[in-house]
Amino acid sequence: MPQSPTNNNNWSFQPLHRQRSGSGYGYPQHVLNTVPETAVLTTPPPTRKITFSSQIAASAENKRRFLPARKKSMKMLADTEREENLNLQIEFEWVLRQEVHAILKQLRTILVECAHRFPVPLYENEGKKTEKFILAVSPDQLKAVLTLTGDAITQADISFKLCKAPSQTQRTSITGESPWKLQQVQDAANHLQTAINHIDDVDDSYHFKTSDEVLHVIGNILDALQRGRNSLLVPKKKPIDELIKGRNMKSLVPNLPEDLAVSFYLQSHKLIIAVYQLLNNQGTMRFDSRQAEASVQWLNDVLLLLMNGQKLCQQLKDKISVFSVYKDFTVGSRSPSALSY
């Protein structure tokens, strides 16, 4: 059995409560503060219940407190919108009175410059400009040495080899007595003339009153410019039999056989010659063709100026469209009904 300690060199396990009390061993006695089991525990005060009437009162108080601020904010927003719309109306009037005329003047300058590039009489342009071109496809499949005067080929020497007889060379020519007419040039010049006329119809002192007036004028100009460009960019296609019987074929000396056709046309900035030959393949008719081309500088200039004119028109049209909300207003209307709140 374990012995009781008689000195400090001997020790033994003691119960925890006795170790804490230290009785009999010279340790200081510690007293733990404990809560008696019979003590009454205190609870926090009960939470005050919010009644429905108090909720209504709080909501009314919040409305009374914040309603004036909200009304003030809405009034500031309405004032801002009214001011913005008034500024927009003022800008709209300035565009109608000043900018539209300035852009039309700038546009007319571009189109008159375009007219001066045409080889036909148009807006102080003397026309009848003469140029020489060589259109060829090697090796000697097709060659045309020609003179272009205005909108007509006044002289040309044409030689080409037939598809069904590659060793045979066909020759023909165009003389000044019967020039080959390039209708595309005259068509484009006519549409350009129409576009300039639409601008000239607007007097410098005229005051546009609505956006519809401006859009109508710009629409007419854009339409004329588009037709002019298309005349040069997209040549009209004709069936082979119509080409063979065409008026220009009578300009060729000597005349070609009935199964051959020659065509001169413009496409973009190029002058093109095409030779077509009808072929009968076991009762089925088809045609073969060869073509040669040459670049024409004035065509390139004309197309570029027409495109610049279209861009300027489109910019003005887009700007006026922003003000389309004012189409029922007249210039000088500072307080239009649609802007009232």
Protein backbone atom coordinates (compact mmCIF):
# COMPACT_ATOMS: atom_id res chain seq x y z
CA MET A 1 0.00 0.00 0.00
CA PRO A 2 1.26 3.49 -0.66
CA GLN A 3 2.64 5.27 2.38
CA SER A 4 1.79 8.75 3.53
CA PRO A 5 4.45 11.26 2.77
CA THR A 6 6.67 12.03 5.82
CA ASN A 7 8.96 14.51 4.17
CA ASN A 8 9.34 16.56 1.05
CA ASN A 9 11.14 13.78 -0.74
CA ASN A 10 8.15 11.49 -0.71
CA TRP A 11 5.02 12.21 -2.68
CA SER A 12 1.84 10.44 -3.64
CA PHE A 13 -1.26 11.11 -5.72
CA GLN A 14 -3.90 13.16 -3.95
CA PRO A 15 -7.50 13.85 -4.90
CA LEU A 16 -7.93 16.97 -6.92
CA HIS A 17 -10.03 18.76 -4.31
CA ARG A 18 -7.42 18.02 -1.69
CA GLN A 19 -4.64 19.23 -3.92
CA ARG A 20 -6.53 22.51 -4.42
CA SER A 21 -7.32 22.85 -0.70
CA GLY A 22 -3.78 22.14 0.23
CA SER A 23 -4.83 20.99 3.69
CA GLY A 24 -2.12 19.37 5.61
CA TYR A 25 0.59 20.26 3.12
CA GLY A 26 1.14 23.91 3.78
CA TYR A 27 -0.37 25.15 0.52
CA PRO A 28 -2.58 28.22 0.63
CA GLN A 29 -6.23 27.44 0.56
CA HIS A 30 -8.18 28.65 -2.49
CA VAL A 31 -11.92 29.14 -2.40
CA LEU A 32 -13.74 28.76 -5.75
CA ASN A 33 -16.61 31.14 -6.39
CA THR A 34 -19.46 28.92 -7.39
CA VAL A 35 -23.13 29.63 -8.07
CA PRO A 36 -25.42 27.78 -5.76
CA GLU A 37 -27.89 25.51 -7.39
CA THR A 38 -30.72 27.29 -5.62
CA ALA A 39 -29.75 30.70 -6.98
CA VAL A 40 -32.33 32.44 -9.21
CA LEU A 41 -30.98 33.20 -12.70
CA THR A 42 -31.91 36.62 -14.11
CA THR A 43 -33.13 36.90 -17.78
CA PRO A 44 -32.85 39.85 -20.17
CA PRO A 45 -35.87 42.12 -20.31
CA PRO A 46 -38.53 40.99 -22.79
CA THR A 47 -38.41 42.47 -26.30
CA ARG A 48 -41.15 45.02 -26.96
CA LYS A 49 -43.49 43.75 -29.61
CA ILE A 50 -44.12 46.11 -32.59
CA THR A 51 -47.80 46.40 -33.21
CA PHE A 52 -49.38 47.00 -36.61
CA SER A 53 -50.36 50.49 -35.59
CA SER A 54 -46.75 51.34 -34.72
CA GLN A 55 -45.61 50.07 -38.15
CA ILE A 56 -48.09 52.36 -39.85
CA ALA A 57 -46.92 55.26 -37.73
CA ALA A 58 -43.27 54.55 -38.62
CA SER A 59 -44.10 54.34 -42.34
CA ALA A 60 -45.97 57.62 -42.20
CA GLU A 61 -43.04 59.19 -40.41
CA ASN A 62 -40.63 57.97 -43.12
CA LYS A 63 -42.87 59.34 -45.86
CA ARG A 64 -43.19 62.65 -44.08
CA ARG A 65 -39.43 62.80 -43.71
CA PHE A 66 -38.34 61.72 -47.25
CA LEU A 67 -41.22 62.86 -49.50
CA PRO A 68 -40.04 66.46 -49.83
CA ALA A 69 -36.54 65.30 -50.81
CA ARG A 70 -37.98 62.90 -53.39
CA LYS A 71 -40.20 65.60 -54.88
CA LYS A 72 -37.24 67.91 -55.06
CA SER A 73 -35.16 65.24 -56.84
CA MET A 74 -37.93 64.56 -59.37
CA LYS A 75 -38.33 68.27 -60.03
CA MET A 76 -34.57 68.64 -60.64
CA LEU A 77 -34.70 65.69 -63.06
CA ALA A 78 -37.62 67.17 -64.95
CA ASP A 79 -35.89 70.54 -65.13
CA THR A 80 -32.74 68.88 -66.49
CA GLU A 81 -34.68 66.99 -69.16
CA ARG A 82 -36.54 70.14 -70.13
CA GLU A 83 -33.27 72.04 -70.44
CA GLU A 84 -31.67 69.27 -72.52
CA ASN A 85 -34.63 69.19 -74.89
CA LEU A 86 -34.58 72.96 -75.21
CA ASN A 87 -30.86 72.87 -76.06
CA LEU A 88 -31.56 70.14 -78.60
CA GLN A 89 -34.28 72.27 -80.16
CA ILE A 90 -31.90 75.24 -80.40
CA GLU A 91 -29.25 73.05 -82.04
CA PHE A 92 -31.86 71.69 -84.43
CA GLU A 93 -32.79 75.20 -85.52
CA TRP A 94 -29.13 76.10 -86.02
CA VAL A 95 -28.58 73.00 -88.18
CA LEU A 96 -31.59 73.87 -90.36
CA ARG A 97 -30.63 77.53 -90.75
CA GLN A 98 -26.86 77.25 -91.08
CA GLU A 99 -25.30 73.81 -91.40
CA VAL A 100 -27.60 72.39 -94.07
CA HIS A 101 -26.78 75.25 -96.46
CA ALA A 102 -23.06 75.00 -95.65
CA ILE A 103 -23.01 71.27 -96.43
CA LEU A 104 -25.02 71.72 -99.63
CA LYS A 105 -22.51 74.34 -100.74
CA GLN A 106 -19.62 72.00 -99.97
CA LEU A 107 -21.39 69.17 -101.78
CA ARG A 108 -21.94 71.30 -104.87
CA THR A 109 -18.21 72.12 -104.98
CA ILE A 110 -17.40 68.39 -104.98
CA LEU A 111 -19.92 67.57 -107.70
CA VAL A 112 -18.86 70.43 -109.97
CA GLU A 113 -15.27 69.23 -109.63
CA CYS A 114 -16.54 65.77 -110.60
CA ALA A 115 -18.29 67.27 -113.63
CA HIS A 116 -15.04 68.84 -114.78
CA ARG A 117 -13.45 65.38 -114.93
CA PHE A 118 -16.01 64.08 -117.44
CA PRO A 119 -14.91 64.07 -121.09
CA VAL A 120 -18.23 65.64 -122.15
CA PRO A 121 -19.50 69.25 -121.96
CA LEU A 122 -20.77 69.67 -118.40
CA TYR A 123 -20.65 72.73 -116.11
CA GLU A 124 -18.13 74.82 -117.99
CA ASN A 125 -16.28 71.68 -118.97
CA GLU A 126 -15.48 71.87 -122.67
CA GLY A 127 -15.50 68.10 -122.98
CA LYS A 128 -14.44 66.21 -126.09
CA LYS A 129 -11.27 65.12 -124.33
CA THR A 130 -9.24 62.76 -126.52
CA GLU A 131 -7.28 59.80 -125.16
CA LYS A 132 -5.60 56.80 -126.78
CA PHE A 133 -5.66 53.30 -125.32
CA ILE A 134 -4.26 49.88 -126.14
CA LEU A 135 -6.31 46.92 -124.97
CA ALA A 136 -4.61 43.59 -125.55
CA VAL A 137 -4.52 39.96 -124.48
CA SER A 138 -1.37 38.06 -125.34
CA PRO A 139 -0.38 36.14 -127.31
CA ASP A 140 -2.29 38.08 -129.95
CA GLN A 141 -5.63 36.66 -128.89
CA LEU A 142 -7.27 40.10 -128.84
CA LYS A 143 -5.92 43.58 -129.47
CA ALA A 144 -7.60 46.96 -129.88
CA VAL A 145 -5.81 50.27 -130.47
CA LEU A 146 -8.42 52.98 -130.07
CA THR A 147 -9.07 56.67 -129.58
CA LEU A 148 -11.67 57.76 -127.03
CA THR A 149 -13.11 61.21 -127.64
CA GLY A 150 -15.70 62.32 -125.14
CA ASP A 151 -18.21 59.52 -124.73
CA ALA A 152 -17.45 57.81 -128.06
CA ILE A 153 -14.74 55.66 -129.62
CA THR A 154 -13.91 57.63 -132.73
CA GLN A 155 -11.19 55.36 -134.09
CA ALA A 156 -10.11 51.78 -133.44
CA ASP A 157 -8.20 48.94 -135.03
CA ILE A 158 -9.39 45.59 -133.72
CA SER A 159 -7.91 42.16 -134.32
CA PHE A 160 -8.70 38.85 -132.64
CA LYS A 161 -8.42 35.13 -133.22
CA LEU A 162 -11.52 33.00 -133.52
CA CYS A 163 -12.20 30.33 -130.94
CA LYS A 164 -13.14 27.69 -133.54
CA ALA A 165 -10.24 28.64 -135.78
CA PRO A 166 -7.26 29.69 -133.57
CA SER A 167 -5.01 30.13 -136.57
CA GLN A 168 -7.37 32.61 -138.23
CA THR A 169 -7.26 36.31 -137.29
CA GLN A 170 -10.33 38.48 -137.73
CA ARG A 171 -9.86 42.22 -138.27
CA THR A 172 -12.23 45.15 -138.19
CA SER A 173 -12.11 48.85 -137.36
CA ILE A 174 -14.05 51.92 -136.27
CA THR A 175 -13.82 55.22 -138.10
CA GLY A 176 -14.75 58.78 -137.24
CA GLU A 177 -17.64 58.73 -139.71
CA SER A 178 -19.46 56.22 -137.52
CA PRO A 179 -18.15 56.35 -133.91
CA TRP A 180 -18.97 53.77 -131.24
CA LYS A 181 -21.13 55.42 -128.58
CA LEU A 182 -20.43 54.70 -124.88
CA GLN A 183 -23.85 55.41 -123.44
CA GLN A 184 -22.64 54.81 -119.88
CA VAL A 185 -20.62 58.04 -119.90
CA GLN A 186 -23.58 60.15 -120.97
CA ASP A 187 -25.91 58.41 -118.49
CA ALA A 188 -23.53 59.07 -115.59
CA ALA A 189 -23.13 62.71 -116.68
CA ASN A 190 -26.90 63.15 -116.84
CA HIS A 191 -27.38 61.78 -113.31
CA LEU A 192 -24.61 64.04 -112.02
CA GLN A 193 -26.32 67.00 -113.68
CA THR A 194 -29.57 66.02 -111.94
CA ALA A 195 -27.85 65.90 -108.53
CA ILE A 196 -26.40 69.39 -108.99
CA ASN A 197 -29.79 70.69 -110.13
CA HIS A 198 -31.37 69.46 -106.87
CA ILE A 199 -28.83 71.56 -104.97
CA ASP A 200 -29.38 74.60 -107.18
CA ASP A 201 -33.13 74.36 -106.58
CA VAL A 202 -32.53 75.29 -102.93
CA ASP A 203 -32.15 79.05 -102.63
CA ASP A 204 -29.38 80.26 -100.32
CA SER A 205 -31.85 82.37 -98.37
CA TYR A 206 -34.40 79.59 -97.93
CA HIS A 207 -35.02 78.58 -94.31
CA PHE A 208 -35.76 74.91 -93.79
CA LYS A 209 -38.51 74.46 -91.23
CA THR A 210 -38.65 70.68 -90.68
CA SER A 211 -36.33 67.71 -90.94
CA ASP A 212 -38.56 66.20 -93.63
CA GLU A 213 -37.72 69.05 -95.98
CA VAL A 214 -34.01 68.41 -95.65
CA LEU A 215 -34.37 64.63 -95.90
CA HIS A 216 -36.40 65.04 -99.11
CA VAL A 217 -33.67 67.13 -100.77
CA ILE A 218 -30.86 64.87 -99.56
CA GLY A 219 -32.78 61.79 -100.69
CA ASN A 220 -33.10 63.15 -104.23
CA ILE A 221 -29.39 63.99 -104.39
CA LEU A 222 -28.35 60.59 -103.04
CA ASP A 223 -30.59 58.82 -105.53
CA ALA A 224 -29.08 60.72 -108.47
CA LEU A 225 -25.51 60.10 -107.28
CA GLN A 226 -26.19 56.39 -106.80
CA ARG A 227 -27.61 56.10 -110.30
CA GLY A 228 -24.58 57.90 -111.69
CA ARG A 229 -22.14 55.55 -109.96
CA ASN A 230 -24.12 52.48 -110.99
CA SER A 231 -23.98 53.63 -114.62
CA LEU A 232 -20.19 53.30 -114.47
CA LEU A 233 -19.85 50.38 -112.07
CA VAL A 234 -22.53 48.01 -113.38
CA PRO A 235 -22.83 47.85 -117.18
CA LYS A 236 -26.14 46.66 -118.54
CA LYS A 237 -26.12 43.06 -119.67
CA LYS A 238 -27.58 42.20 -123.05
CA PRO A 239 -28.25 38.83 -124.67
CA ILE A 240 -25.84 37.79 -127.42
CA ASP A 241 -28.41 38.13 -130.17
CA GLU A 242 -29.15 41.72 -129.10
CA LEU A 243 -25.43 42.51 -129.21
CA ILE A 244 -25.13 41.08 -132.69
CA LYS A 245 -28.04 43.19 -133.92
CA GLY A 246 -27.07 46.26 -131.90
CA ARG A 247 -26.69 49.72 -133.45
CA ASN A 248 -22.99 49.98 -132.54
CA MET A 249 -22.16 46.86 -134.56
CA LYS A 250 -22.86 48.94 -137.67
CA SER A 251 -19.87 51.11 -136.75
CA LEU A 252 -17.48 48.23 -137.59
CA VAL A 253 -15.81 48.26 -140.96
CA PRO A 254 -15.87 45.67 -142.40
CA ASN A 255 -18.91 44.15 -140.78
CA LEU A 256 -18.39 40.93 -138.82
CA PRO A 257 -20.07 37.60 -139.60
CA GLU A 258 -23.44 36.98 -137.95
CA ASP A 259 -21.94 34.62 -135.37
CA LEU A 260 -19.56 37.31 -133.99
CA ALA A 261 -20.18 40.32 -131.77
CA VAL A 262 -17.96 43.02 -130.30
CA SER A 263 -18.80 45.07 -127.23
CA PHE A 264 -17.14 48.08 -125.58
CA TYR A 265 -18.20 49.01 -122.06
CA LEU A 266 -17.05 50.62 -118.82
CA GLN A 267 -16.77 48.80 -115.53
CA SER A 268 -15.44 50.71 -112.54
CA HIS A 269 -12.31 52.55 -113.72
CA LYS A 270 -11.71 50.27 -116.73
CA LEU A 271 -12.55 50.37 -120.43
CA ILE A 272 -13.20 46.84 -121.65
CA ILE A 273 -13.53 45.25 -125.09
CA ALA A 274 -15.19 41.85 -125.34
CA VAL A 275 -15.51 39.60 -128.40
CA TYR A 276 -18.25 36.95 -128.44
CA GLN A 277 -18.58 34.04 -130.84
CA LEU A 278 -21.68 31.88 -131.18
CA LEU A 279 -20.97 28.13 -131.30
CA ASN A 280 -23.35 25.36 -132.33
CA ASN A 281 -22.53 22.23 -130.37
CA GLN A 282 -24.76 19.42 -131.73
CA GLY A 283 -27.78 21.66 -131.91
CA THR A 284 -27.07 23.47 -128.63
CA MET A 285 -26.10 27.11 -128.98
CA ARG A 286 -23.47 28.58 -126.70
CA PHE A 287 -20.91 31.33 -126.99
CA ASP A 288 -17.26 31.79 -126.23
CA SER A 289 -15.64 35.11 -125.37
CA ARG A 290 -12.38 36.94 -124.96
CA GLN A 291 -11.83 40.33 -123.40
CA ALA A 292 -9.11 42.92 -122.79
CA GLU A 293 -9.10 46.04 -120.63
CA ALA A 294 -7.27 49.27 -119.86
CA SER A 295 -7.43 51.64 -116.89
CA VAL A 296 -8.94 55.10 -117.44
CA GLN A 297 -7.74 57.76 -115.02
CA TRP A 298 -10.69 60.14 -115.30
CA LEU A 299 -13.08 57.30 -114.51
CA ASN A 300 -11.20 56.63 -111.29
CA ASP A 301 -11.39 60.34 -110.36
CA VAL A 302 -15.10 60.56 -111.15
CA LEU A 303 -15.97 57.51 -109.06
CA LEU A 304 -13.94 58.82 -106.12
CA LEU A 305 -15.64 62.23 -106.20
CA LEU A 306 -19.08 60.66 -106.54
CA MET A 307 -18.35 58.48 -103.51
CA ASN A 308 -17.21 61.53 -101.49
CA GLY A 309 -20.43 63.29 -102.43
CA GLN A 310 -22.46 60.31 -101.27
CA LYS A 311 -20.61 60.17 -97.94
CA LEU A 312 -21.26 63.86 -97.30
CA CYS A 313 -24.96 63.42 -98.09
CA GLN A 314 -25.20 60.40 -95.81
CA GLN A 315 -23.54 62.23 -92.93
CA LEU A 316 -26.04 65.09 -93.21
CA LYS A 317 -28.91 62.62 -93.51
CA ASP A 318 -27.80 60.78 -90.35
CA LYS A 319 -27.48 64.04 -88.42
CA ILE A 320 -30.91 65.26 -89.49
CA SER A 321 -32.42 61.87 -88.60
CA VAL A 322 -31.36 62.45 -84.98
CA PHE A 323 -33.71 65.43 -84.94
CA SER A 324 -36.57 63.52 -86.56
CA VAL A 325 -38.48 63.91 -83.27
CA TYR A 326 -38.93 67.54 -84.30
CA LYS A 327 -40.52 66.80 -87.66
CA ASP A 328 -43.79 68.39 -86.53
CA PHE A 329 -42.10 71.51 -85.17
CA THR A 330 -41.29 74.70 -86.98
CA VAL A 331 -38.20 76.84 -86.67
CA GLY A 332 -38.63 79.44 -83.95
CA SER A 333 -40.76 77.19 -81.75
CA ARG A 334 -38.95 77.51 -78.44
CA SER A 335 -41.65 75.74 -76.42
CA PRO A 336 -43.06 72.89 -78.51
CA SER A 337 -45.95 71.05 -76.91
CA ALA A 338 -44.17 67.74 -77.13
CA LEU A 339 -41.49 69.09 -74.81
CA SER A 340 -43.93 70.11 -72.07
CA TYR A 341 -44.12 68.16 -68.88
